[in-house]
Amino acid sequence: MTLEQELSQGIAALNIAVDAEARLRLLQYLSLLHKWNKVYNLTAIREPRKMLTHHLLDSLAVVPYLSGDAIADIGSGAGLPGIPLALARPDWSMTLVESNHKKAAFLTQACIELKLTNAQVIVEHVEAFNPQKKFSMVISRAFSALAEFVELAGHLCAADGRLIAMKGVYPYDELESLPANIVVDRVISLKIPGLEAERHLVIMGRNEWQK
């Protein structure tokens, strides 16, 4: 089976709509990631087929649970989940926040080569980033523990926005450590095609009574 076929099957299994052009650009992104990874060590995963399941499909699995006109990807790294999300949903505005200059260089080049007009790269530590307009959603993938994520990135989220963390196993201990002004909307178990490992999505907001 080709990578194109695997991607199409995976997208179908996730029950999301991604048009043919976006699928082609997702594969172009995969090729860029594979090429740059040889020099920049962007990810420990080296094989394109594993990158497809562990990175592309893993990122795309959150599409049904996101909304809003402005989304920030915190500690974007190799552009995960931000670049796959921007490719799959061109109507979303994605801001990729990454403090590592080598990784940010890859993000910038990827946005240029993929002609991603709905994504911008911010080379800054998340706690120092202070945009004029807050984000409707702030997402992270393998960034930090939940409490640290909230502490470092909470200021980026609009008052009625959501903080969203992509996790592996159900984060029982991390949920217990959240501050009182954060309420957990829900924890969603995700099934990633071709990936046996556990995946969970934690969606959080501010507790109006505990501001």
C-alpha atoms as a PDB file:
ATOM      1  CA  MET A   1       0.000   0.000   0.000  1.00  0.00           C
ATOM      2  CA  THR A   2       1.316   3.462  -0.885  1.00  0.00           C
ATOM      3  CA  LEU A   3       1.593   6.324   1.589  1.00  0.00           C
ATOM      4  CA  GLU A   4      -1.147   8.111  -0.341  1.00  0.00           C
ATOM      5  CA  GLN A   5      -3.477   5.138   0.084  1.00  0.00           C
ATOM      6  CA  GLU A   6      -2.638   4.818   3.779  1.00  0.00           C
ATOM      7  CA  LEU A   7      -3.310   8.516   4.314  1.00  0.00           C
ATOM      8  CA  SER A   8      -6.654   8.305   2.503  1.00  0.00           C
ATOM      9  CA  GLN A   9      -7.697   5.237   4.493  1.00  0.00           C
ATOM     10  CA  GLY A  10      -6.614   6.867   7.748  1.00  0.00           C
ATOM     11  CA  ILE A  11      -8.571  10.045   7.016  1.00  0.00           C
ATOM     12  CA  ALA A  12     -11.629   7.969   6.157  1.00  0.00           C
ATOM     13  CA  ALA A  13     -11.278   6.035   9.430  1.00  0.00           C
ATOM     14  CA  LEU A  14     -11.111   9.319  11.342  1.00  0.00           C
ATOM     15  CA  ASN A  15     -14.346  10.353   9.610  1.00  0.00           C
ATOM     16  CA  ILE A  16     -13.078  13.794   8.601  1.00  0.00           C
ATOM     17  CA  ALA A  17     -13.244  15.545   5.234  1.00  0.00           C
ATOM     18  CA  VAL A  18      -9.891  16.477   3.680  1.00  0.00           C
ATOM     19  CA  ASP A  19      -9.841  17.381  -0.009  1.00  0.00           C
ATOM     20  CA  ALA A  20      -7.439  15.927  -2.582  1.00  0.00           C
ATOM     21  CA  GLU A  21      -5.191  18.993  -2.717  1.00  0.00           C
ATOM     22  CA  ALA A  22      -4.805  19.045   1.059  1.00  0.00           C
ATOM     23  CA  ARG A  23      -3.940  15.337   1.065  1.00  0.00           C
ATOM     24  CA  LEU A  24      -1.227  15.964  -1.522  1.00  0.00           C
ATOM     25  CA  ARG A  25       0.212  18.790   0.572  1.00  0.00           C
ATOM     26  CA  LEU A  26       0.096  16.614   3.698  1.00  0.00           C
ATOM     27  CA  LEU A  27       2.304  14.113   1.882  1.00  0.00           C
ATOM     28  CA  GLN A  28       4.588  16.968   0.773  1.00  0.00           C
ATOM     29  CA  TYR A  29       4.878  18.001   4.402  1.00  0.00           C
ATOM     30  CA  LEU A  30       5.727  14.403   5.327  1.00  0.00           C
ATOM     31  CA  SER A  31       8.479  14.436   2.694  1.00  0.00           C
ATOM     32  CA  LEU A  32       9.867  17.715   4.044  1.00  0.00           C
ATOM     33  CA  LEU A  33       9.801  16.382   7.596  1.00  0.00           C
ATOM     34  CA  HIS A  34      11.642  13.236   6.539  1.00  0.00           C
ATOM     35  CA  LYS A  35      14.262  15.253   4.618  1.00  0.00           C
ATOM     36  CA  TRP A  36      14.955  17.848   7.330  1.00  0.00           C
ATOM     37  CA  ASN A  37      14.868  15.272  10.102  1.00  0.00           C
ATOM     38  CA  LYS A  38      18.126  13.764   8.843  1.00  0.00           C
ATOM     39  CA  VAL A  39      19.980  16.953   9.804  1.00  0.00           C
ATOM     40  CA  TYR A  40      17.794  18.714  12.378  1.00  0.00           C
ATOM     41  CA  ASN A  41      16.559  15.733  14.432  1.00  0.00           C
ATOM     42  CA  LEU A  42      13.009  17.053  14.534  1.00  0.00           C
ATOM     43  CA  THR A  43      11.521  13.717  15.604  1.00  0.00           C
ATOM     44  CA  ALA A  44      12.786  10.372  16.870  1.00  0.00           C
ATOM     45  CA  ILE A  45      10.633   8.636  14.263  1.00  0.00           C
ATOM     46  CA  ARG A  46      12.626   8.127  11.060  1.00  0.00           C
ATOM     47  CA  GLU A  47      10.379   6.079   8.784  1.00  0.00           C
ATOM     48  CA  PRO A  48       7.835   7.967   6.616  1.00  0.00           C
ATOM     49  CA  ARG A  49       5.193   5.278   7.168  1.00  0.00           C
ATOM     50  CA  LYS A  50       5.478   5.623  10.940  1.00  0.00           C
ATOM     51  CA  MET A  51       5.543   9.407  10.608  1.00  0.00           C
ATOM     52  CA  LEU A  52       2.224   9.140   8.789  1.00  0.00           C
ATOM     53  CA  THR A  53       0.474   7.280  11.608  1.00  0.00           C
ATOM     54  CA  HIS A  54       2.306   8.705  14.634  1.00  0.00           C
ATOM     55  CA  HIS A  55       2.373  12.316  13.422  1.00  0.00           C
ATOM     56  CA  LEU A  56      -0.035  13.086  10.563  1.00  0.00           C
ATOM     57  CA  LEU A  57      -3.011  10.959  11.561  1.00  0.00           C
ATOM     58  CA  ASP A  58      -2.361  11.596  15.250  1.00  0.00           C
ATOM     59  CA  SER A  59      -2.612  15.340  14.569  1.00  0.00           C
ATOM     60  CA  LEU A  60      -5.622  15.095  12.259  1.00  0.00           C
ATOM     61  CA  ALA A  61      -7.561  13.069  14.861  1.00  0.00           C
ATOM     62  CA  VAL A  62      -8.257  16.270  16.831  1.00  0.00           C
ATOM     63  CA  VAL A  63      -9.942  18.092  13.897  1.00  0.00           C
ATOM     64  CA  PRO A  64     -13.539  17.292  14.990  1.00  0.00           C
ATOM     65  CA  TYR A  65     -12.928  18.839  18.413  1.00  0.00           C
ATOM     66  CA  LEU A  66     -11.456  22.180  17.320  1.00  0.00           C
ATOM     67  CA  SER A  67     -13.202  25.356  16.235  1.00  0.00           C
ATOM     68  CA  GLY A  68     -12.704  29.102  16.197  1.00  0.00           C
ATOM     69  CA  ASP A  69     -10.960  31.536  13.930  1.00  0.00           C
ATOM     70  CA  ALA A  70      -7.579  31.637  15.685  1.00  0.00           C
ATOM     71  CA  ILE A  71      -5.648  28.654  17.059  1.00  0.00           C
ATOM     72  CA  ALA A  72      -2.168  28.596  18.614  1.00  0.00           C
ATOM     73  CA  ASP A  73       0.066  25.508  18.566  1.00  0.00           C
ATOM     74  CA  ILE A  74       2.374  25.763  21.585  1.00  0.00           C
ATOM     75  CA  GLY A  75       5.831  24.198  21.381  1.00  0.00           C
ATOM     76  CA  SER A  76       5.069  23.348  17.772  1.00  0.00           C
ATOM     77  CA  GLY A  77       8.412  21.600  17.208  1.00  0.00           C
ATOM     78  CA  ALA A  78       8.203  19.988  13.794  1.00  0.00           C
ATOM     79  CA  GLY A  79       4.806  21.604  13.235  1.00  0.00           C
ATOM     80  CA  LEU A  80       2.681  19.083  15.087  1.00  0.00           C
ATOM     81  CA  PRO A  81      -0.238  19.341  15.229  1.00  0.00           C
ATOM     82  CA  GLY A  82      -0.286  22.862  13.712  1.00  0.00           C
ATOM     83  CA  ILE A  83       0.834  22.241  10.131  1.00  0.00           C
ATOM     84  CA  PRO A  84      -1.405  19.207   9.457  1.00  0.00           C
ATOM     85  CA  LEU A  85      -4.331  21.166  10.952  1.00  0.00           C
ATOM     86  CA  ALA A  86      -3.581  24.221   8.808  1.00  0.00           C
ATOM     87  CA  LEU A  87      -3.367  22.040   5.691  1.00  0.00           C
ATOM     88  CA  ALA A  88      -6.580  20.166   6.454  1.00  0.00           C
ATOM     89  CA  ARG A  89      -8.544  23.294   7.408  1.00  0.00           C
ATOM     90  CA  PRO A  90      -7.449  26.324   5.336  1.00  0.00           C
ATOM     91  CA  ASP A  91     -10.203  28.422   6.971  1.00  0.00           C
ATOM     92  CA  TRP A  92      -8.433  28.157  10.331  1.00  0.00           C
ATOM     93  CA  SER A  93      -5.703  30.648  11.263  1.00  0.00           C
ATOM     94  CA  MET A  94      -2.790  28.796  12.888  1.00  0.00           C
ATOM     95  CA  THR A  95       0.019  30.352  14.916  1.00  0.00           C
ATOM     96  CA  LEU A  96       2.995  28.063  15.480  1.00  0.00           C
ATOM     97  CA  VAL A  97       4.916  29.049  18.627  1.00  0.00           C
ATOM     98  CA  GLU A  98       8.410  27.545  18.881  1.00  0.00           C
ATOM     99  CA  SER A  99      11.440  28.874  20.792  1.00  0.00           C
ATOM    100  CA  ASN A 100      14.040  26.542  19.247  1.00  0.00           C
ATOM    101  CA  HIS A 101      15.576  28.379  16.294  1.00  0.00           C
ATOM    102  CA  LYS A 102      16.420  25.256  14.270  1.00  0.00           C
ATOM    103  CA  LYS A 103      12.897  23.928  14.588  1.00  0.00           C
ATOM    104  CA  ALA A 104      11.478  27.369  13.836  1.00  0.00           C
ATOM    105  CA  ALA A 105      13.633  27.498  10.696  1.00  0.00           C
ATOM    106  CA  PHE A 106      12.035  24.263   9.534  1.00  0.00           C
ATOM    107  CA  LEU A 107       8.557  25.581  10.329  1.00  0.00           C
ATOM    108  CA  THR A 108       9.203  28.752   8.334  1.00  0.00           C
ATOM    109  CA  GLN A 109      10.564  26.855   5.343  1.00  0.00           C
ATOM    110  CA  ALA A 110       7.711  24.343   5.468  1.00  0.00           C
ATOM    111  CA  CYS A 111       5.130  27.148   5.465  1.00  0.00           C
ATOM    112  CA  ILE A 112       6.843  28.679   2.424  1.00  0.00           C
ATOM    113  CA  GLU A 113       7.160  25.451   0.437  1.00  0.00           C
ATOM    114  CA  LEU A 114       3.637  24.318   1.298  1.00  0.00           C
ATOM    115  CA  LYS A 115       2.244  27.800   0.518  1.00  0.00           C
ATOM    116  CA  LEU A 116       0.559  27.899   3.917  1.00  0.00           C
ATOM    117  CA  THR A 117      -1.049  31.325   3.920  1.00  0.00           C
ATOM    118  CA  ASN A 118      -3.087  30.536   7.048  1.00  0.00           C
ATOM    119  CA  ALA A 119      -0.096  29.792   9.300  1.00  0.00           C
ATOM    120  CA  GLN A 120       2.528  32.008  10.909  1.00  0.00           C
ATOM    121  CA  VAL A 121       5.611  31.133  12.953  1.00  0.00           C
ATOM    122  CA  ILE A 122       6.451  32.892  16.231  1.00  0.00           C
ATOM    123  CA  VAL A 123      10.016  32.299  17.445  1.00  0.00           C
ATOM    124  CA  GLU A 124       9.611  32.945  21.135  1.00  0.00           C
ATOM    125  CA  HIS A 125       9.177  31.255  24.484  1.00  0.00           C
ATOM    126  CA  VAL A 126       5.459  30.790  25.053  1.00  0.00           C
ATOM    127  CA  GLU A 127       5.447  32.654  28.361  1.00  0.00           C
ATOM    128  CA  ALA A 128       6.993  35.721  26.661  1.00  0.00           C
ATOM    129  CA  PHE A 129       4.591  35.733  23.713  1.00  0.00           C
ATOM    130  CA  ASN A 130       1.974  38.429  24.180  1.00  0.00           C
ATOM    131  CA  PRO A 131      -0.232  38.841  21.105  1.00  0.00           C
ATOM    132  CA  GLN A 132      -2.687  41.725  20.796  1.00  0.00           C
ATOM    133  CA  LYS A 133      -5.557  39.334  20.143  1.00  0.00           C
ATOM    134  CA  LYS A 134      -6.064  36.224  22.247  1.00  0.00           C
ATOM    135  CA  PHE A 135      -6.719  32.822  20.697  1.00  0.00           C
ATOM    136  CA  SER A 136      -9.987  30.915  20.660  1.00  0.00           C
ATOM    137  CA  MET A 137      -8.040  27.701  21.144  1.00  0.00           C
ATOM    138  CA  VAL A 138      -4.532  26.970  22.412  1.00  0.00           C
ATOM    139  CA  ILE A 139      -3.298  23.440  21.734  1.00  0.00           C
ATOM    140  CA  SER A 140      -0.190  21.492  22.692  1.00  0.00           C
ATOM    141  CA  ARG A 141       1.167  18.065  21.844  1.00  0.00           C
ATOM    142  CA  ALA A 142       3.801  16.445  24.073  1.00  0.00           C
ATOM    143  CA  PHE A 143       4.617  19.887  25.473  1.00  0.00           C
ATOM    144  CA  SER A 144       4.455  19.570  29.261  1.00  0.00           C
ATOM    145  CA  ALA A 145       2.335  18.459  32.186  1.00  0.00           C
ATOM    146  CA  LEU A 146      -1.157  19.976  32.196  1.00  0.00           C
ATOM    147  CA  ALA A 147      -0.535  22.363  35.098  1.00  0.00           C
ATOM    148  CA  GLU A 148       2.623  23.717  33.453  1.00  0.00           C
ATOM    149  CA  PHE A 149       0.855  24.067  30.112  1.00  0.00           C
ATOM    150  CA  VAL A 150      -1.905  26.095  31.763  1.00  0.00           C
ATOM    151  CA  GLU A 151       0.617  28.239  33.641  1.00  0.00           C
ATOM    152  CA  LEU A 152       2.777  28.991  30.607  1.00  0.00           C
ATOM    153  CA  ALA A 153       0.133  29.306  27.896  1.00  0.00           C
ATOM    154  CA  GLY A 154      -3.057  30.252  29.732  1.00  0.00           C
ATOM    155  CA  HIS A 155      -2.574  33.969  29.039  1.00  0.00           C
ATOM    156  CA  LEU A 156      -2.823  33.318  25.292  1.00  0.00           C
ATOM    157  CA  CYS A 157      -6.375  31.994  25.554  1.00  0.00           C
ATOM    158  CA  ALA A 158      -9.441  34.217  25.170  1.00  0.00           C
ATOM    159  CA  ALA A 159     -11.761  34.430  28.180  1.00  0.00           C
ATOM    160  CA  ASP A 160     -14.221  32.019  26.570  1.00  0.00           C
ATOM    161  CA  GLY A 161     -11.520  30.052  24.753  1.00  0.00           C
ATOM    162  CA  ARG A 162     -10.188  26.564  25.376  1.00  0.00           C
ATOM    163  CA  LEU A 163      -6.843  25.071  26.316  1.00  0.00           C
ATOM    164  CA  ILE A 164      -6.395  21.704  24.631  1.00  0.00           C
ATOM    165  CA  ALA A 165      -3.703  19.151  25.445  1.00  0.00           C
ATOM    166  CA  MET A 166      -2.910  16.062  23.374  1.00  0.00           C
ATOM    167  CA  LYS A 167      -1.875  13.256  25.705  1.00  0.00           C
ATOM    168  CA  GLY A 168      -1.022   9.555  25.607  1.00  0.00           C
ATOM    169  CA  VAL A 169      -2.437   7.527  28.488  1.00  0.00           C
ATOM    170  CA  TYR A 170      -5.248   9.016  30.577  1.00  0.00           C
ATOM    171  CA  PRO A 171      -3.494  11.709  32.687  1.00  0.00           C
ATOM    172  CA  TYR A 172      -5.080  11.024  36.090  1.00  0.00           C
ATOM    173  CA  ASP A 173      -2.344  12.639  38.201  1.00  0.00           C
ATOM    174  CA  GLU A 174      -1.989  15.666  35.933  1.00  0.00           C
ATOM    175  CA  LEU A 175      -5.724  16.355  36.087  1.00  0.00           C
ATOM    176  CA  GLU A 176      -5.571  16.316  39.890  1.00  0.00           C
ATOM    177  CA  SER A 177      -2.825  18.960  39.821  1.00  0.00           C
ATOM    178  CA  LEU A 178      -4.728  21.569  37.806  1.00  0.00           C
ATOM    179  CA  PRO A 179      -5.339  24.951  39.499  1.00  0.00           C
ATOM    180  CA  ALA A 180      -8.807  25.821  40.816  1.00  0.00           C
ATOM    181  CA  ASN A 181      -9.488  28.380  38.093  1.00  0.00           C
ATOM    182  CA  ILE A 182      -9.296  25.715  35.377  1.00  0.00           C
ATOM    183  CA  VAL A 183     -12.225  23.427  34.638  1.00  0.00           C
ATOM    184  CA  VAL A 184     -11.954  20.288  32.516  1.00  0.00           C
ATOM    185  CA  ASP A 185     -14.711  20.213  29.915  1.00  0.00           C
ATOM    186  CA  ARG A 186     -14.001  16.631  28.923  1.00  0.00           C
ATOM    187  CA  VAL A 187     -11.287  14.080  28.250  1.00  0.00           C
ATOM    188  CA  ILE A 188     -11.730  12.331  24.922  1.00  0.00           C
ATOM    189  CA  SER A 189     -10.266   8.948  24.041  1.00  0.00           C
ATOM    190  CA  LEU A 190      -8.920   9.024  20.481  1.00  0.00           C
ATOM    191  CA  LYS A 191      -8.457   6.047  18.177  1.00  0.00           C
ATOM    192  CA  ILE A 192      -5.626   6.638  15.706  1.00  0.00           C
ATOM    193  CA  PRO A 193      -5.648   4.365  12.613  1.00  0.00           C
ATOM    194  CA  GLY A 194      -2.554   2.183  12.561  1.00  0.00           C
ATOM    195  CA  LEU A 195      -1.514   3.191  16.071  1.00  0.00           C
ATOM    196  CA  GLU A 196      -2.112   0.854  18.997  1.00  0.00           C
ATOM    197  CA  ALA A 197      -0.982   3.265  21.732  1.00  0.00           C
ATOM    198  CA  GLU A 198      -3.467   5.192  23.869  1.00  0.00           C
ATOM    199  CA  ARG A 199      -4.297   8.764  22.935  1.00  0.00           C
ATOM    200  CA  HIS A 200      -6.424  11.266  24.860  1.00  0.00           C
ATOM    201  CA  LEU A 201      -7.481  14.849  24.276  1.00  0.00           C
ATOM    202  CA  VAL A 202      -7.957  17.080  27.335  1.00  0.00           C
ATOM    203  CA  ILE A 203     -10.196  20.121  26.763  1.00  0.00           C
ATOM    204  CA  MET A 204     -10.056  22.807  29.451  1.00  0.00           C
ATOM    205  CA  GLY A 205     -11.554  26.224  30.095  1.00  0.00           C
ATOM    206  CA  ARG A 206     -11.565  28.845  32.811  1.00  0.00           C
ATOM    207  CA  ASN A 207     -13.811  28.430  35.835  1.00  0.00           C
ATOM    208  CA  GLU A 208     -15.822  31.673  35.970  1.00  0.00           C
ATOM    209  CA  TRP A 209     -16.215  31.344  39.750  1.00  0.00           C
ATOM    210  CA  GLN A 210     -12.526  30.960  40.440  1.00  0.00           C
ATOM    211  CA  LYS A 211     -10.911  33.704  38.351  1.00  0.00           C
END
